[in-house]
C-alpha cells in the first residue's frame, strides 16, 4: 500500500548516530515517521531527491549572540537565524549578554522572548545569566524555561550601564550551589581575570597592542587556571558545568579528567580554534579577534587529537557579531576592536570540510559533535539531534563534493564580515529543513524567516 506522507527525502546518504545508510526519510506533521529503502509513496507526496548528498541531522549551535533587545543593529534574531539556516543549523541557543538588558532576571527574559517571537527562521533555546546581584533570580529563570546559566570569569566587555558583568568568587560559588539545587547547568567563559587584567594593563601601558600582544595577554595559563578553579567549585557544590569555547588541549584534558572522576561536566570548542591560528589573527587583523585568542598551529593539532579521542563534547560557533566599523575601522587598534568572531553560517561546512574531507574523520563523529551530543547534554534529545523515528524532521542536505569560495555576498549576517571570507570549502549546504519545512535552499535562499519556536526547557530535563 502506498503511504501518504507530507514529504519524503529520497536516495540520500543518511547520517545516523553510528552509521551512514542510503535511505528514504518520510515526514508527517513535522516528525520523522519512516526510514527505509524505496518507500512506497502516494501520488501527491512532495519528494526531494538527495542522490549524491549526505542527509545529516540539523546542527544545534549552543552558543550564539543575537544581541536583542536594544542591540539588534549588531545582529538580530531575523538576520542571525537566517544565516544559521543557510549554514545547516536548525536549533540554536542565544546567550544572555550583549543585549540590553541582559537576560539575568524575568523582565530581561521577557524582553528577549518578545524580540525572538516570530523572527527566527529556526528553533531556539535561551540561556539565562549568572551575574553579581541576581542569585535570587535564578529559580525564576529556571522555572521560565531557560536552558541553563552563563557566567564569565573575566570581563566580557560590552556596552551600556546594564551590561553583563563577570562574577566575583562569592557569586560564582553561591551561584553554583543554587544552580545545583535547581538541577541546572552553568556554562562558563573560563579565563582568569586576575591574569588577563594585569597582563593587558602592562601591555597597554607599554604600547604593546598588536595581535601577538593581545594573544600574549590571554595565555593558555589563564584558561587553565580558570578551568581548574571552576572544577574545584563544581566538585564542592555538585553543580553541573559546561565550559564554552575551550582553546587549549591542556584545558580539555583537565575537564576530561574531572569527568572520569565523576563530575558532571562537558567541554565545547569552536570552529575558529580548529581551522584558524594566531598567524591568521596577525594576517587578517581584528576580524579574527576573539577571547580566548586563536592559538598556535601546534596547539590546534593537539585540539584535533582531543577531538578524535572523544574528549571534546560539542562544537559551537560562539557567533559574536558587531558593526563592521568596530572591527575594521582604519584607526582602530587591535586591543580596542570588538572581540568576537562572526562565523555561525559556516560552522557545519567548515567542520565537514576540515574534519571529513581533509582529515578523514568519520562523518558520524562530526555529526555527533554538531547535533547529537548538544541535544543530549541540554535536554532536547527527545526532539532534536538525530535522524530517528519520532524526532523532529530537522535535516540538512549537504553536497560533500562541491567546491566554492566564500564571499561577503554569501553571508546573511547583518554585518558581512568574517575571517572565513576568501576560504575555499569542499562542501556546501544544499537545503535545510526544520520540523519538516524547507526553510533554505542554495538556489532560493531563506524561504521561511519566522517559523522557529522557543523550546522551553522543563525543570525535569535538567537532570541528564
Protein backbone atom coordinates (compact mmCIF):
# COMPACT_ATOMS: atom_id res chain seq x y z
CA UNK A 1 0.00 0.00 0.00
CA UNK A 2 1.28 3.46 -0.88
CA UNK A 3 1.66 5.68 2.15
CA UNK A 4 0.59 9.31 2.24
CA UNK A 5 3.45 11.40 3.64
CA UNK A 6 3.86 15.16 3.55
CA UNK A 7 7.49 14.97 2.48
CA UNK A 8 9.99 12.29 1.54
CA UNK A 9 13.72 12.80 1.12
CA UNK A 10 14.87 10.01 -1.19
CA UNK A 11 18.19 8.41 -2.07
CA UNK A 12 20.34 10.32 0.43
CA UNK A 13 23.31 9.02 2.38
CA UNK A 14 21.62 9.33 5.76
CA UNK A 15 23.91 10.02 8.72
CA UNK A 16 22.61 8.01 11.66
CA UNK A 17 24.24 8.09 15.11
CA UNK A 18 26.60 5.19 14.36
CA UNK A 19 26.50 4.59 10.62
CA UNK A 20 25.63 6.02 7.21
CA UNK A 21 22.96 4.26 5.16
CA UNK A 22 21.27 5.02 1.86
CA UNK A 23 17.68 5.52 2.99
CA UNK A 24 14.48 7.40 2.30
CA UNK A 25 13.15 9.62 5.10
CA UNK A 26 9.41 10.20 5.36
CA UNK A 27 7.96 13.18 7.22
CA UNK A 28 4.46 13.91 8.51
CA UNK A 29 3.34 16.67 10.88
CA UNK A 30 6.93 17.79 11.26
CA UNK A 31 8.19 14.43 12.53
CA UNK A 32 10.22 11.61 11.02
CA UNK A 33 7.69 8.81 10.59
CA UNK A 34 9.51 6.29 8.39
CA UNK A 35 13.03 5.32 7.41
CA UNK A 36 13.62 2.73 4.72
CA UNK A 37 14.74 1.81 1.25
CA UNK A 38 12.44 2.71 -1.63
CA UNK A 39 9.50 3.84 0.47
CA UNK A 40 6.18 3.46 -1.37
CA UNK A 41 4.63 6.87 -1.97
CA UNK A 42 1.17 8.23 -2.65
CA UNK A 43 0.94 10.28 -5.89
CA UNK A 44 0.86 13.75 -4.31
CA UNK A 45 3.74 13.26 -1.86
CA UNK A 46 6.35 16.02 -2.07
CA UNK A 47 9.71 14.43 -2.87
CA UNK A 48 13.25 15.82 -2.54
CA UNK A 49 15.88 13.78 -4.35
CA UNK A 50 19.07 13.72 -2.25
CA UNK A 51 21.06 11.48 -4.58
CA UNK A 52 24.78 12.09 -4.00
CA UNK A 53 24.17 14.18 -0.88
CA UNK A 54 24.62 13.49 2.80
CA UNK A 55 21.49 13.96 4.89
CA UNK A 56 22.53 14.99 8.40
CA UNK A 57 20.57 16.00 11.49
CA UNK A 58 20.35 19.78 11.67
CA UNK A 59 23.17 21.41 13.59
CA UNK A 60 22.39 22.52 17.15
CA UNK A 61 24.52 25.60 17.82
CA UNK A 62 24.57 26.05 21.59
CA UNK A 63 26.45 29.36 21.56
CA UNK A 64 25.33 32.40 19.58
CA UNK A 65 24.89 36.09 20.42
CA UNK A 66 21.99 37.81 18.67
CA UNK A 67 22.15 40.98 20.79
CA UNK A 68 18.46 41.68 21.21
CA UNK A 69 16.87 43.59 22.85
CA UNK A 70 18.33 47.04 22.06
CA UNK A 71 21.41 45.93 20.12
CA UNK A 72 19.66 44.25 17.21
CA UNK A 73 21.56 46.64 14.95
CA UNK A 74 24.60 44.48 15.76
CA UNK A 75 22.73 41.27 14.94
CA UNK A 76 19.08 40.41 15.47
CA UNK A 77 17.12 37.17 15.56
CA UNK A 78 15.92 37.59 11.98
CA UNK A 79 19.32 38.08 10.32
CA UNK A 80 21.21 35.76 12.66
CA UNK A 81 18.79 32.86 12.37
CA UNK A 82 18.65 33.25 8.59
CA UNK A 83 22.43 32.89 8.49
CA UNK A 84 22.21 29.80 10.68
CA UNK A 85 19.57 28.26 8.40
CA UNK A 86 21.83 28.85 5.40
CA UNK A 87 24.57 27.02 7.28
CA UNK A 88 22.52 23.93 8.11
CA UNK A 89 21.59 24.84 11.68
CA UNK A 90 18.04 24.08 12.83
CA UNK A 91 18.30 24.91 16.55
CA UNK A 92 20.43 27.42 18.44
CA UNK A 93 20.96 28.74 21.95
CA UNK A 94 21.07 32.51 22.36
CA UNK A 95 23.39 33.76 25.08
CA UNK A 96 22.17 36.18 27.79
CA UNK A 97 24.65 39.02 27.21
CA UNK A 98 25.21 41.73 24.60
CA UNK A 99 21.52 42.60 24.58
CA UNK A 100 20.48 45.36 26.95
CA UNK A 101 19.05 44.48 29.37
CA UNK A 102 20.83 41.14 29.58
CA UNK A 103 18.83 38.01 30.37
CA UNK A 104 19.55 37.93 34.10
CA UNK A 105 16.01 38.23 35.50
CA UNK A 106 12.43 37.57 34.49
CA UNK A 107 11.94 41.01 32.95
CA UNK A 108 15.05 40.64 30.81
CA UNK A 109 13.95 37.19 29.69
CA UNK A 110 10.54 38.50 28.71
CA UNK A 111 12.11 41.19 26.52
CA UNK A 112 14.33 38.55 24.90
CA UNK A 113 11.34 36.27 24.28
CA UNK A 114 9.32 39.09 22.76
CA UNK A 115 12.19 40.06 20.45
CA UNK A 116 12.58 36.49 19.20
CA UNK A 117 8.89 35.66 18.73
CA UNK A 118 8.03 35.41 15.04
CA UNK A 119 11.51 36.49 13.99
CA UNK A 120 13.52 33.27 13.98
CA UNK A 121 13.86 31.04 10.94
CA UNK A 122 14.75 28.03 13.11
CA UNK A 123 14.03 26.77 16.62
CA UNK A 124 15.90 28.07 19.65
CA UNK A 125 16.56 27.84 23.37
CA UNK A 126 17.59 30.74 25.60
CA UNK A 127 20.33 30.97 28.20
CA UNK A 128 19.92 32.84 31.47
CA UNK A 129 22.84 34.60 33.13
CA UNK A 130 24.66 34.46 36.46
CA UNK A 131 25.99 37.89 37.46
CA UNK A 132 26.64 39.70 40.75
CA UNK A 133 23.31 40.55 42.37
CA UNK A 134 20.98 38.08 40.63
CA UNK A 135 21.19 34.97 42.82
CA UNK A 136 17.53 35.34 43.76
CA UNK A 137 16.53 35.45 40.09
CA UNK A 138 17.96 32.06 39.17
CA UNK A 139 14.99 29.98 40.30
CA UNK A 140 12.54 32.19 38.43
CA UNK A 141 14.61 31.94 35.24
CA UNK A 142 14.82 28.16 35.57
CA UNK A 143 11.08 27.89 36.06
CA UNK A 144 10.53 30.08 32.98
CA UNK A 145 12.40 27.59 30.81
CA UNK A 146 15.98 28.79 30.22
CA UNK A 147 18.34 26.08 29.06
CA UNK A 148 20.90 26.92 31.77
CA UNK A 149 23.01 29.80 33.05
CA UNK A 150 26.09 31.54 31.69
CA UNK A 151 28.81 33.26 33.71
CA UNK A 152 32.10 34.96 32.88
CA UNK A 153 35.25 34.54 34.94
CA UNK A 154 36.79 37.51 33.10
CA UNK A 155 35.45 40.86 31.95
CA UNK A 156 33.08 40.25 29.00
CA UNK A 157 33.18 43.84 27.74
CA UNK A 158 30.02 45.19 26.14
CA UNK A 159 28.01 48.38 26.08
CA UNK A 160 25.66 50.21 28.45
CA UNK A 161 25.11 50.58 32.16
CA UNK A 162 23.09 47.39 32.32
CA UNK A 163 25.69 45.26 30.59
CA UNK A 164 26.56 41.73 31.64
CA UNK A 165 29.24 41.55 34.37
CA UNK A 166 31.79 38.93 35.31
CA UNK A 167 31.20 37.05 38.56
CA UNK A 168 33.17 37.53 41.75
CA UNK A 169 34.22 34.43 43.70
CA UNK A 170 31.32 34.59 46.15
CA UNK A 171 28.73 34.93 43.38
CA UNK A 172 30.34 32.07 41.49
CA UNK A 173 30.32 29.71 44.46
CA UNK A 174 26.86 30.63 45.70
CA UNK A 175 25.56 30.56 42.15
CA UNK A 176 26.84 27.03 41.70
CA UNK A 177 25.14 25.99 44.95
CA UNK A 178 21.80 27.41 43.84
CA UNK A 179 22.03 26.09 40.29
CA UNK A 180 22.88 22.65 41.66
CA UNK A 181 19.80 22.77 43.89
CA UNK A 182 17.72 23.50 40.77
CA UNK A 183 19.27 20.62 38.85
CA UNK A 184 20.58 23.22 36.40
CA UNK A 185 23.77 23.67 34.44
CA UNK A 186 26.28 26.52 34.47
CA UNK A 187 28.21 27.47 31.32
CA UNK A 188 31.48 29.25 31.93
CA UNK A 189 33.73 31.54 29.96
CA UNK A 190 36.93 30.35 31.61
CA UNK A 191 39.73 32.91 31.58
CA UNK A 192 41.31 34.25 34.75
CA UNK A 193 40.54 37.95 35.14
CA UNK A 194 43.44 38.26 37.60
CA UNK A 195 45.88 37.12 34.93
CA UNK A 196 44.41 38.77 31.84
CA UNK A 197 43.77 42.15 33.50
CA UNK A 198 47.34 42.50 34.79
CA UNK A 199 48.92 41.43 31.52
CA UNK A 200 46.62 43.66 29.46
CA UNK A 201 47.25 46.73 31.62
CA UNK A 202 51.00 46.22 31.35
CA UNK A 203 50.85 45.76 27.57
CA UNK A 204 48.76 48.89 27.01
CA UNK A 205 50.94 50.91 29.38
CA UNK A 206 53.99 49.98 27.36
CA UNK A 207 52.45 50.39 23.91
CA UNK A 208 52.28 46.71 23.06
CA UNK A 209 48.93 46.49 21.24
CA UNK A 210 49.46 44.18 18.26
CA UNK A 211 47.62 40.93 17.59
CA UNK A 212 50.54 38.99 19.07
CA UNK A 213 50.47 41.18 22.17
CA UNK A 214 46.74 40.53 22.58
CA UNK A 215 47.33 36.78 22.44
CA UNK A 216 50.15 37.10 24.98
CA UNK A 217 47.80 38.89 27.39
CA UNK A 218 45.38 35.95 27.33
CA UNK A 219 47.76 32.97 27.62
CA UNK A 220 46.84 29.32 27.89
CA UNK A 221 47.61 29.53 31.61
CA UNK A 222 44.71 31.96 32.10
CA UNK A 223 42.30 29.42 30.64
CA UNK A 224 43.74 26.51 32.59
CA UNK A 225 43.68 28.38 35.92
CA UNK A 226 40.04 29.38 35.48
CA UNK A 227 39.02 25.87 34.45
CA UNK A 228 40.81 24.35 37.45
CA UNK A 229 39.19 26.76 39.89
CA UNK A 230 35.71 26.21 38.48
CA UNK A 231 36.13 22.44 38.57
CA UNK A 232 37.07 22.67 42.25
CA UNK A 233 33.92 24.66 42.99
CA UNK A 234 31.89 22.24 40.90
CA UNK A 235 33.16 19.29 42.88
CA UNK A 236 32.37 21.06 46.16
CA UNK A 237 28.86 22.18 45.13
CA UNK A 238 27.76 19.34 42.84
CA UNK A 239 26.90 21.85 40.11
CA UNK A 240 26.78 20.59 36.55
CA UNK A 241 29.24 22.55 34.40
CA UNK A 242 29.76 23.28 30.73
CA UNK A 243 32.90 25.06 29.57
CA UNK A 244 32.42 27.15 26.45
CA UNK A 245 34.94 27.86 23.64
CA UNK A 246 37.88 25.97 25.14
CA UNK A 247 41.01 26.75 23.11
CA UNK A 248 43.74 24.50 24.55
CA UNK A 249 44.30 20.78 24.81
CA UNK A 250 45.50 21.10 28.41
CA UNK A 251 42.15 22.54 29.48
CA UNK A 252 40.26 19.85 27.56
CA UNK A 253 42.36 17.20 29.30
CA UNK A 254 41.69 18.78 32.70
CA UNK A 255 37.94 18.76 32.06
CA UNK A 256 38.03 15.18 30.78
CA UNK A 257 39.93 14.02 33.88
CA UNK A 258 37.25 15.62 36.06
CA UNK A 259 34.58 13.78 34.10
CA UNK A 260 36.37 10.49 34.76
CA UNK A 261 36.30 11.35 38.48
CA UNK A 262 32.53 11.59 38.27
CA UNK A 263 31.95 15.32 37.82
CA UNK A 264 29.03 16.14 35.51
CA UNK A 265 30.96 18.38 33.12
CA UNK A 266 31.29 18.97 29.40
CA UNK A 267 33.59 20.91 27.08
CA UNK A 268 32.89 22.88 23.92
CA UNK A 269 35.29 24.19 21.33
CA UNK A 270 34.66 26.29 18.22
CA UNK A 271 35.43 26.03 14.51
CA UNK A 272 37.78 29.01 14.70
CA UNK A 273 40.12 27.18 17.07
CA UNK A 274 40.13 24.18 14.73
CA UNK A 275 40.70 25.97 11.41
CA UNK A 276 42.41 29.29 12.27
CA UNK A 277 45.65 30.02 14.14
CA UNK A 278 47.33 33.02 15.70
CA UNK A 279 49.08 33.57 12.36
CA UNK A 280 45.66 34.09 10.78
CA UNK A 281 44.87 36.59 13.53
CA UNK A 282 48.01 38.54 12.61
CA UNK A 283 47.28 38.38 8.89
CA UNK A 284 43.54 39.10 9.00
CA UNK A 285 43.56 41.59 11.85
CA UNK A 286 40.67 42.23 14.28
CA UNK A 287 38.14 40.33 12.15
CA UNK A 288 39.81 37.24 13.67
CA UNK A 289 39.99 38.63 17.21
CA UNK A 290 38.27 36.56 19.90
CA UNK A 291 38.70 35.59 23.54
CA UNK A 292 40.29 33.23 24.30
CA UNK A 293 42.53 34.14 21.36
CA UNK A 294 43.46 31.93 18.46
CA UNK A 295 46.36 29.65 19.33
CA UNK A 296 49.40 28.22 17.54
CA UNK A 297 49.28 25.58 14.81
CA UNK A 298 50.84 23.13 17.28
CA UNK A 299 48.05 23.80 19.80
CA UNK A 300 45.47 23.42 17.06
CA UNK A 301 46.78 19.97 16.17
CA UNK A 302 46.52 18.96 19.82
CA UNK A 303 42.87 20.06 19.83
CA UNK A 304 42.17 17.84 16.83
CA UNK A 305 43.79 14.97 18.72
CA UNK A 306 41.49 15.64 21.68
CA UNK A 307 38.50 15.67 19.31
CA UNK A 308 39.48 12.36 17.68
CA UNK A 309 39.88 10.79 21.13
CA UNK A 310 36.34 11.78 22.12
CA UNK A 311 37.42 14.25 24.78
CA UNK A 312 35.55 17.22 23.28
CA UNK A 313 31.80 17.08 23.82
CA UNK A 314 30.47 19.53 21.25
CA UNK A 315 31.31 22.25 18.73
CA UNK A 316 29.53 25.61 18.73
CA UNK A 317 30.14 28.80 16.76
CA UNK A 318 30.28 31.46 19.50
CA UNK A 319 28.91 33.79 16.83
CA UNK A 320 29.71 37.21 18.27
CA UNK A 321 28.86 39.91 15.73
CA UNK A 322 29.19 43.68 15.74
CA UNK A 323 29.01 46.57 13.27
CA UNK A 324 31.90 46.30 10.83
CA UNK A 325 33.37 49.65 11.87
CA UNK A 326 34.04 48.19 15.31
CA UNK A 327 36.21 45.56 13.64
CA UNK A 328 37.99 47.16 10.71
CA UNK A 329 37.98 50.94 11.23
CA UNK A 330 41.37 52.21 9.94
CA UNK A 331 42.47 53.94 13.16
CA UNK A 332 41.19 51.19 15.45
CA UNK A 333 43.86 49.39 17.44
CA UNK A 334 43.71 45.63 17.81
CA UNK A 335 43.05 45.94 21.55
CA UNK A 336 40.17 48.41 21.00
CA UNK A 337 38.40 46.30 18.33
CA UNK A 338 35.38 44.23 19.29
CA UNK A 339 36.43 40.76 20.40
CA UNK A 340 34.19 38.29 18.68
CA UNK A 341 34.10 36.20 15.51
CA UNK A 342 31.19 36.13 13.07
CA UNK A 343 31.09 32.56 11.87
CA UNK A 344 27.77 30.83 12.58
CA UNK A 345 26.79 30.42 8.93
CA UNK A 346 29.94 28.43 8.16
CA UNK A 347 30.25 26.03 11.12
CA UNK A 348 28.89 22.85 9.56
CA UNK A 349 30.67 23.36 6.25
CA UNK A 350 33.96 24.18 7.96
CA UNK A 351 33.78 21.11 10.16
CA UNK A 352 32.80 18.77 7.34
CA UNK A 353 35.46 20.22 5.04
CA UNK A 354 38.28 20.08 7.57
CA UNK A 355 37.16 17.11 9.65
CA UNK A 356 35.82 14.74 7.00
CA UNK A 357 37.22 15.80 3.62
CA UNK A 358 40.69 16.89 4.78
CA UNK A 359 41.39 14.84 7.92
CA UNK A 360 39.34 11.75 7.09
CA UNK A 361 37.26 11.59 10.26
CA UNK A 362 34.04 9.61 10.07
CA UNK A 363 31.09 11.87 9.30
CA UNK A 364 29.22 10.39 12.29
CA UNK A 365 31.82 11.93 14.62
CA UNK A 366 31.30 15.41 13.20
CA UNK A 367 27.52 14.96 13.22
CA UNK A 368 27.60 13.91 16.87
CA UNK A 369 29.65 16.96 17.87
CA UNK A 370 27.35 19.33 15.99
CA UNK A 371 23.97 17.77 16.76
CA UNK A 372 23.72 14.55 18.75
CA UNK A 373 25.78 15.48 21.80
CA UNK A 374 24.45 19.05 22.14
CA UNK A 375 20.90 17.65 22.13
CA UNK A 376 21.72 15.11 24.83
CA UNK A 377 23.68 17.50 27.01
CA UNK A 378 21.00 20.18 27.07
CA UNK A 379 17.84 18.13 27.36
CA UNK A 380 16.33 18.24 23.88
CA UNK A 381 17.27 14.79 22.59
CA UNK A 382 13.61 13.76 22.75
CA UNK A 383 13.06 16.12 19.81
CA UNK A 384 16.37 17.04 18.21
CA UNK A 385 19.86 15.89 17.37
CA UNK A 386 19.41 12.69 15.38
CA UNK A 387 17.64 11.16 12.40
CA UNK A 388 15.31 8.72 14.14
CA UNK A 389 11.64 7.82 14.21
CA UNK A 390 9.51 10.25 16.19
CA UNK A 391 12.04 13.08 16.29
CA UNK A 392 11.60 16.45 14.63
CA UNK A 393 12.40 16.35 10.93
CA UNK A 394 15.38 18.70 11.29
CA UNK A 395 17.54 17.78 8.33
CA UNK A 396 20.39 19.15 6.25
CA UNK A 397 21.25 18.13 2.71
CA UNK A 398 24.98 18.57 2.16
CA UNK A 399 26.84 18.18 -1.12
CA UNK A 400 30.17 16.67 0.01
CA UNK A 401 31.95 17.05 -3.31
CA UNK A 402 31.48 20.61 -4.48
CA UNK A 403 33.98 23.43 -4.15
CA UNK A 404 33.24 27.11 -3.65
CA UNK A 405 34.97 30.15 -2.20
CA UNK A 406 33.06 32.04 0.48
CA UNK A 407 32.37 35.70 -0.35
CA UNK A 408 30.84 38.52 1.66
CA UNK A 409 27.80 38.35 -0.63
CA UNK A 410 27.15 34.77 0.54
CA UNK A 411 26.73 35.88 4.17
CA UNK A 412 23.32 36.65 5.62
CA UNK A 413 24.60 38.40 8.76
CA UNK A 414 23.55 41.98 9.33
CA UNK A 415 27.23 42.95 9.03
CA UNK A 416 29.01 40.91 6.39
CA UNK A 417 32.45 40.42 7.86
CA UNK A 418 34.01 37.08 8.78
CA UNK A 419 37.51 35.62 8.95
CA UNK A 420 36.27 32.86 6.63
CA UNK A 421 35.67 35.15 3.64
CA UNK A 422 38.01 34.04 0.87
CA UNK A 423 38.29 30.49 2.22
CA UNK A 424 37.66 27.67 -0.26
CA UNK A 425 35.39 24.92 1.04
CA UNK A 426 34.93 21.44 -0.43
CA UNK A 427 31.27 21.00 0.53
CA UNK A 428 28.08 23.04 0.56
CA UNK A 429 24.71 23.06 2.32
CA UNK A 430 22.08 22.43 -0.36
CA UNK A 431 18.93 22.57 1.77
CA UNK A 432 17.88 22.97 5.40
CA UNK A 433 14.63 21.54 6.78
CA UNK A 434 13.21 22.44 10.21
CA UNK A 435 10.31 20.37 11.55
CA UNK A 436 9.55 19.17 8.02
CA UNK A 437 9.53 22.67 6.50
CA UNK A 438 12.11 23.54 3.86
CA UNK A 439 13.45 26.82 5.17
CA UNK A 440 16.53 27.25 2.99
CA UNK A 441 17.87 26.07 -0.36
CA UNK A 442 21.09 27.11 -2.00
CA UNK A 443 19.10 28.12 -5.10
CA UNK A 444 16.28 30.09 -3.43
CA UNK A 445 17.94 31.31 -0.24
CA UNK A 446 15.95 31.55 3.00
CA UNK A 447 12.33 30.62 2.30
CA UNK A 448 10.78 30.92 5.76
CA UNK A 449 12.02 33.61 8.18
CA UNK A 450 9.75 33.46 11.21
CA UNK A 451 8.58 29.93 11.92
CA UNK A 452 11.10 29.00 14.61
CA UNK A 453 9.87 28.05 18.08
CA UNK A 454 11.23 28.67 21.57
CA UNK A 455 11.94 25.30 23.18
CA UNK A 456 11.41 25.94 26.86
CA UNK A 457 13.45 23.53 28.95
CA UNK A 458 11.36 21.81 31.61
CA UNK A 459 12.94 21.52 35.05
CA UNK A 460 12.97 17.72 34.92
CA UNK A 461 15.06 17.88 31.76
CA UNK A 462 17.92 19.48 33.69
CA UNK A 463 18.98 16.10 35.07
CA UNK A 464 20.60 14.33 32.14
